[in-house]
């Protein structure tokens, strides 16, 4: 499985961005998918996850502002980010878990990773 994240950029506080992660290879619909982020000098942290069946989970810091979704026909998972804050600045990574029922919040819950896309929120 190869994952390609896109959609990052520079946005002012309060703005919105939509990240996309396109998957190739094995059956995308069978995977659990997640988004993580890593700010400079910090560990990679969980942002959101979606099961193959569509169940979702969010980090408390983004709940109510971010929405994860998937389109199995397009082999793509999305992260809609609204009301962005400077503390959301990070490199965002998508990840795939072969255990499709997972709503994993840990890095080692996932088997495949994309290359990351930079999100910068200015104050």
Protein backbone atom coordinates (compact mmCIF):
# COMPACT_ATOMS: atom_id res chain seq x y z
CA UNK A 1 0.00 0.00 0.00
CA UNK A 2 1.26 3.44 -0.94
CA UNK A 3 -0.25 6.57 0.58
CA UNK A 4 0.02 10.06 -0.90
CA UNK A 5 -1.09 12.96 1.27
CA UNK A 6 -1.88 16.38 -0.18
CA UNK A 7 -3.77 19.57 0.55
CA UNK A 8 -1.54 21.23 3.10
CA UNK A 9 -0.59 24.88 2.96
CA UNK A 10 -0.49 28.21 4.74
CA UNK A 11 -3.72 29.54 6.21
CA UNK A 12 -4.70 32.23 8.67
CA UNK A 13 -6.12 31.37 12.07
CA UNK A 14 -9.82 30.64 11.78
CA UNK A 15 -9.44 29.36 8.24
CA UNK A 16 -10.00 25.93 6.73
CA UNK A 17 -8.11 23.30 4.79
CA UNK A 18 -8.98 19.88 3.46
CA UNK A 19 -6.31 17.22 3.39
CA UNK A 20 -6.55 14.21 1.10
CA UNK A 21 -4.76 10.90 1.23
CA UNK A 22 -4.90 8.72 -1.87
CA UNK A 23 -4.09 5.03 -1.48
CA UNK A 24 -2.88 2.57 -4.06
CA UNK A 25 -2.25 -1.13 -3.85
CA UNK A 26 -4.33 -3.50 -1.78
CA UNK A 27 -8.06 -3.07 -1.16
CA UNK A 28 -8.43 0.35 0.45
CA UNK A 29 -11.89 -0.39 1.81
CA UNK A 30 -10.52 -3.09 4.12
CA UNK A 31 -8.16 -0.74 5.97
CA UNK A 32 -8.63 1.37 9.02
CA UNK A 33 -7.27 4.84 8.29
CA UNK A 34 -5.82 7.54 10.48
CA UNK A 35 -4.35 11.02 10.49
CA UNK A 36 -1.47 12.02 12.73
CA UNK A 37 0.56 15.20 13.02
CA UNK A 38 4.02 16.14 14.16
CA UNK A 39 5.15 19.61 15.13
CA UNK A 40 8.86 20.52 15.32
CA UNK A 41 10.48 19.08 18.41
CA UNK A 42 7.39 17.08 19.36
CA UNK A 43 6.31 13.49 19.03
CA UNK A 44 3.87 12.38 16.37
CA UNK A 45 0.37 12.60 17.77
CA UNK A 46 -3.00 11.16 16.89
CA UNK A 47 -5.55 13.43 15.18
CA UNK A 48 -8.38 11.28 13.82
CA UNK A 49 -9.23 7.76 12.72
CA UNK A 50 -11.94 6.03 10.68
CA UNK A 51 -12.83 2.35 10.58
CA UNK A 52 -13.48 0.48 7.39
CA UNK A 53 -17.14 0.54 8.45
CA UNK A 54 -17.07 4.32 8.92
CA UNK A 55 -16.86 4.67 12.70
CA UNK A 56 -14.67 7.62 13.71
CA UNK A 57 -12.59 8.91 16.60
CA UNK A 58 -10.88 12.25 17.25
CA UNK A 59 -8.27 13.71 19.53
CA UNK A 60 -9.83 16.03 22.09
CA UNK A 61 -7.81 18.94 20.69
CA UNK A 62 -9.56 18.75 17.30
CA UNK A 63 -13.00 17.44 18.24
CA UNK A 64 -15.72 19.68 16.81
CA UNK A 65 -13.30 21.34 14.35
CA UNK A 66 -11.94 18.47 12.24
CA UNK A 67 -13.85 15.81 10.31
CA UNK A 68 -12.41 12.61 8.91
CA UNK A 69 -14.16 10.82 6.06
CA UNK A 70 -13.42 8.27 3.39
CA UNK A 71 -14.48 7.55 -0.17
CA UNK A 72 -13.79 3.91 -0.88
CA UNK A 73 -14.65 4.32 -4.56
CA UNK A 74 -11.81 6.84 -4.87
CA UNK A 75 -9.43 5.06 -2.47
CA UNK A 76 -9.15 8.31 -0.55
CA UNK A 77 -9.45 9.48 3.04
CA UNK A 78 -10.01 13.14 3.87
CA UNK A 79 -9.43 15.42 6.82
CA UNK A 80 -11.57 18.53 6.78
CA UNK A 81 -10.05 21.11 9.14
CA UNK A 82 -12.02 24.15 10.23
CA UNK A 83 -11.41 26.94 12.77
CA UNK A 84 -7.70 26.32 12.48
CA UNK A 85 -5.42 27.54 15.25
CA UNK A 86 -1.67 28.27 15.24
CA UNK A 87 -1.18 25.22 17.46
CA UNK A 88 -2.50 23.06 14.60
CA UNK A 89 0.71 23.84 12.70
CA UNK A 90 2.48 20.57 11.94
CA UNK A 91 3.29 18.04 9.28
CA UNK A 92 0.20 15.88 8.83
CA UNK A 93 0.55 12.19 8.01
CA UNK A 94 -2.03 9.69 6.86
CA UNK A 95 -1.71 6.07 7.86
CA UNK A 96 -3.35 2.74 7.07
CA UNK A 97 -3.98 -0.19 9.38
CA UNK A 98 -4.54 -3.71 8.09
CA UNK A 99 -6.88 -4.25 11.05
CA UNK A 100 -9.79 -2.47 9.45
CA UNK A 101 -11.88 -2.29 12.60
CA UNK A 102 -9.25 -0.28 14.43
CA UNK A 103 -9.70 3.24 15.67
CA UNK A 104 -6.05 3.24 16.60
CA UNK A 105 -4.65 6.25 18.41
CA UNK A 106 -1.07 4.99 18.57
CA UNK A 107 1.56 5.16 15.88
CA UNK A 108 2.19 1.42 16.07
CA UNK A 109 -1.48 0.65 15.38
CA UNK A 110 -0.74 1.46 11.73
CA UNK A 111 1.21 -0.49 9.12
CA UNK A 112 1.65 2.02 6.29
CA UNK A 113 2.41 5.74 6.27
CA UNK A 114 2.27 8.54 3.75
CA UNK A 115 4.99 11.13 3.26
CA UNK A 116 3.31 13.99 5.13
CA UNK A 117 1.95 17.38 4.12
CA UNK A 118 2.80 20.65 5.88
CA UNK A 119 0.02 22.70 7.47
CA UNK A 120 0.97 26.15 8.75
CA UNK A 121 -1.55 28.33 10.56
CA UNK A 122 -0.56 31.96 11.04
CA UNK A 123 -1.90 34.08 13.90
